[in-house]
């Protein structure tokens, strides 16, 4: 079952959540290039959110559109 996450007015499906520490080197410096590699490598992920402890690799849930026939 997919988890949902709401940030402001937007809703997301969470595909993966990974500790921020997995993207830092021994000196604690964050490597955002590795975050981008993960984002681009996960199917359906179009955005990355950050909490206090994790990066959330998410898919934006689009608003429904009414189609008139």
C-alpha atoms as a PDB file:
ATOM      1  CA  UNK A   1       0.000   0.000   0.000  1.00  0.00           C
ATOM      2  CA  UNK A   2       1.356   3.410  -0.972  1.00  0.00           C
ATOM      3  CA  UNK A   3       1.765   6.087   1.638  1.00  0.00           C
ATOM      4  CA  UNK A   4       0.447   9.583   1.074  1.00  0.00           C
ATOM      5  CA  UNK A   5       2.091  12.813   2.157  1.00  0.00           C
ATOM      6  CA  UNK A   6       0.549  16.276   2.134  1.00  0.00           C
ATOM      7  CA  UNK A   7       2.782  19.337   1.880  1.00  0.00           C
ATOM      8  CA  UNK A   8       0.816  22.583   1.788  1.00  0.00           C
ATOM      9  CA  UNK A   9      -1.918  22.235  -0.839  1.00  0.00           C
ATOM     10  CA  UNK A  10      -0.170  19.409  -2.709  1.00  0.00           C
ATOM     11  CA  UNK A  11      -0.452  15.670  -2.151  1.00  0.00           C
ATOM     12  CA  UNK A  12       2.140  13.053  -3.017  1.00  0.00           C
ATOM     13  CA  UNK A  13       2.640   9.276  -3.185  1.00  0.00           C
ATOM     14  CA  UNK A  14       5.784   8.283  -1.299  1.00  0.00           C
ATOM     15  CA  UNK A  15       7.845   5.808  -3.315  1.00  0.00           C
ATOM     16  CA  UNK A  16      10.890   5.717  -1.000  1.00  0.00           C
ATOM     17  CA  UNK A  17      12.109   7.427   2.146  1.00  0.00           C
ATOM     18  CA  UNK A  18      15.834   7.366   2.843  1.00  0.00           C
ATOM     19  CA  UNK A  19      17.790   8.757   5.778  1.00  0.00           C
ATOM     20  CA  UNK A  20      19.576  12.005   4.961  1.00  0.00           C
ATOM     21  CA  UNK A  21      22.736  10.538   6.473  1.00  0.00           C
ATOM     22  CA  UNK A  22      22.927   8.068   3.559  1.00  0.00           C
ATOM     23  CA  UNK A  23      23.704  11.027   1.296  1.00  0.00           C
ATOM     24  CA  UNK A  24      26.468  12.591   3.400  1.00  0.00           C
ATOM     25  CA  UNK A  25      30.175  11.890   3.409  1.00  0.00           C
ATOM     26  CA  UNK A  26      32.328  11.219   6.495  1.00  0.00           C
ATOM     27  CA  UNK A  27      32.566  14.962   7.168  1.00  0.00           C
ATOM     28  CA  UNK A  28      28.766  15.307   7.101  1.00  0.00           C
ATOM     29  CA  UNK A  29      28.672  17.143   3.777  1.00  0.00           C
ATOM     30  CA  UNK A  30      25.483  16.476   1.823  1.00  0.00           C
ATOM     31  CA  UNK A  31      25.891  15.206  -1.757  1.00  0.00           C
ATOM     32  CA  UNK A  32      22.824  16.452  -3.651  1.00  0.00           C
ATOM     33  CA  UNK A  33      24.045  14.839  -6.885  1.00  0.00           C
ATOM     34  CA  UNK A  34      23.371  11.420  -5.334  1.00  0.00           C
ATOM     35  CA  UNK A  35      19.873  12.564  -4.320  1.00  0.00           C
ATOM     36  CA  UNK A  36      19.222  13.577  -7.946  1.00  0.00           C
ATOM     37  CA  UNK A  37      20.494  10.207  -9.193  1.00  0.00           C
ATOM     38  CA  UNK A  38      18.023   8.425  -6.899  1.00  0.00           C
ATOM     39  CA  UNK A  39      15.181  10.747  -7.971  1.00  0.00           C
ATOM     40  CA  UNK A  40      15.847  10.126 -11.648  1.00  0.00           C
ATOM     41  CA  UNK A  41      16.323   6.377 -11.161  1.00  0.00           C
ATOM     42  CA  UNK A  42      13.074   5.663  -9.341  1.00  0.00           C
ATOM     43  CA  UNK A  43      10.121   5.041 -11.657  1.00  0.00           C
ATOM     44  CA  UNK A  44       7.350   7.622 -11.246  1.00  0.00           C
ATOM     45  CA  UNK A  45       9.261   9.915  -8.878  1.00  0.00           C
ATOM     46  CA  UNK A  46       9.132  13.565  -9.934  1.00  0.00           C
ATOM     47  CA  UNK A  47      10.029  15.391  -6.720  1.00  0.00           C
ATOM     48  CA  UNK A  48      12.072  15.069  -3.528  1.00  0.00           C
ATOM     49  CA  UNK A  49      10.909  16.416  -0.170  1.00  0.00           C
ATOM     50  CA  UNK A  50      13.033  16.728   2.934  1.00  0.00           C
ATOM     51  CA  UNK A  51      11.960  16.120   6.517  1.00  0.00           C
ATOM     52  CA  UNK A  52      14.149  16.539   9.600  1.00  0.00           C
ATOM     53  CA  UNK A  53      15.642  13.073   9.102  1.00  0.00           C
ATOM     54  CA  UNK A  54      14.687  11.738   5.642  1.00  0.00           C
ATOM     55  CA  UNK A  55      14.467  12.509   1.963  1.00  0.00           C
ATOM     56  CA  UNK A  56      11.063  11.523   0.572  1.00  0.00           C
ATOM     57  CA  UNK A  57      11.121  10.461  -3.070  1.00  0.00           C
ATOM     58  CA  UNK A  58       7.591  11.226  -4.200  1.00  0.00           C
ATOM     59  CA  UNK A  59       5.194  11.340  -7.127  1.00  0.00           C
ATOM     60  CA  UNK A  60       2.954  14.395  -7.340  1.00  0.00           C
ATOM     61  CA  UNK A  61      -0.765  13.593  -7.330  1.00  0.00           C
ATOM     62  CA  UNK A  62      -2.349  15.710 -10.031  1.00  0.00           C
ATOM     63  CA  UNK A  63      -5.615  17.516  -9.382  1.00  0.00           C
ATOM     64  CA  UNK A  64      -8.614  16.004 -11.116  1.00  0.00           C
ATOM     65  CA  UNK A  65      -9.896  17.853 -14.162  1.00  0.00           C
ATOM     66  CA  UNK A  66     -13.543  17.868 -15.207  1.00  0.00           C
ATOM     67  CA  UNK A  67     -13.923  17.090 -18.907  1.00  0.00           C
ATOM     68  CA  UNK A  68     -17.123  18.321 -20.452  1.00  0.00           C
ATOM     69  CA  UNK A  69     -18.457  16.435 -23.436  1.00  0.00           C
END
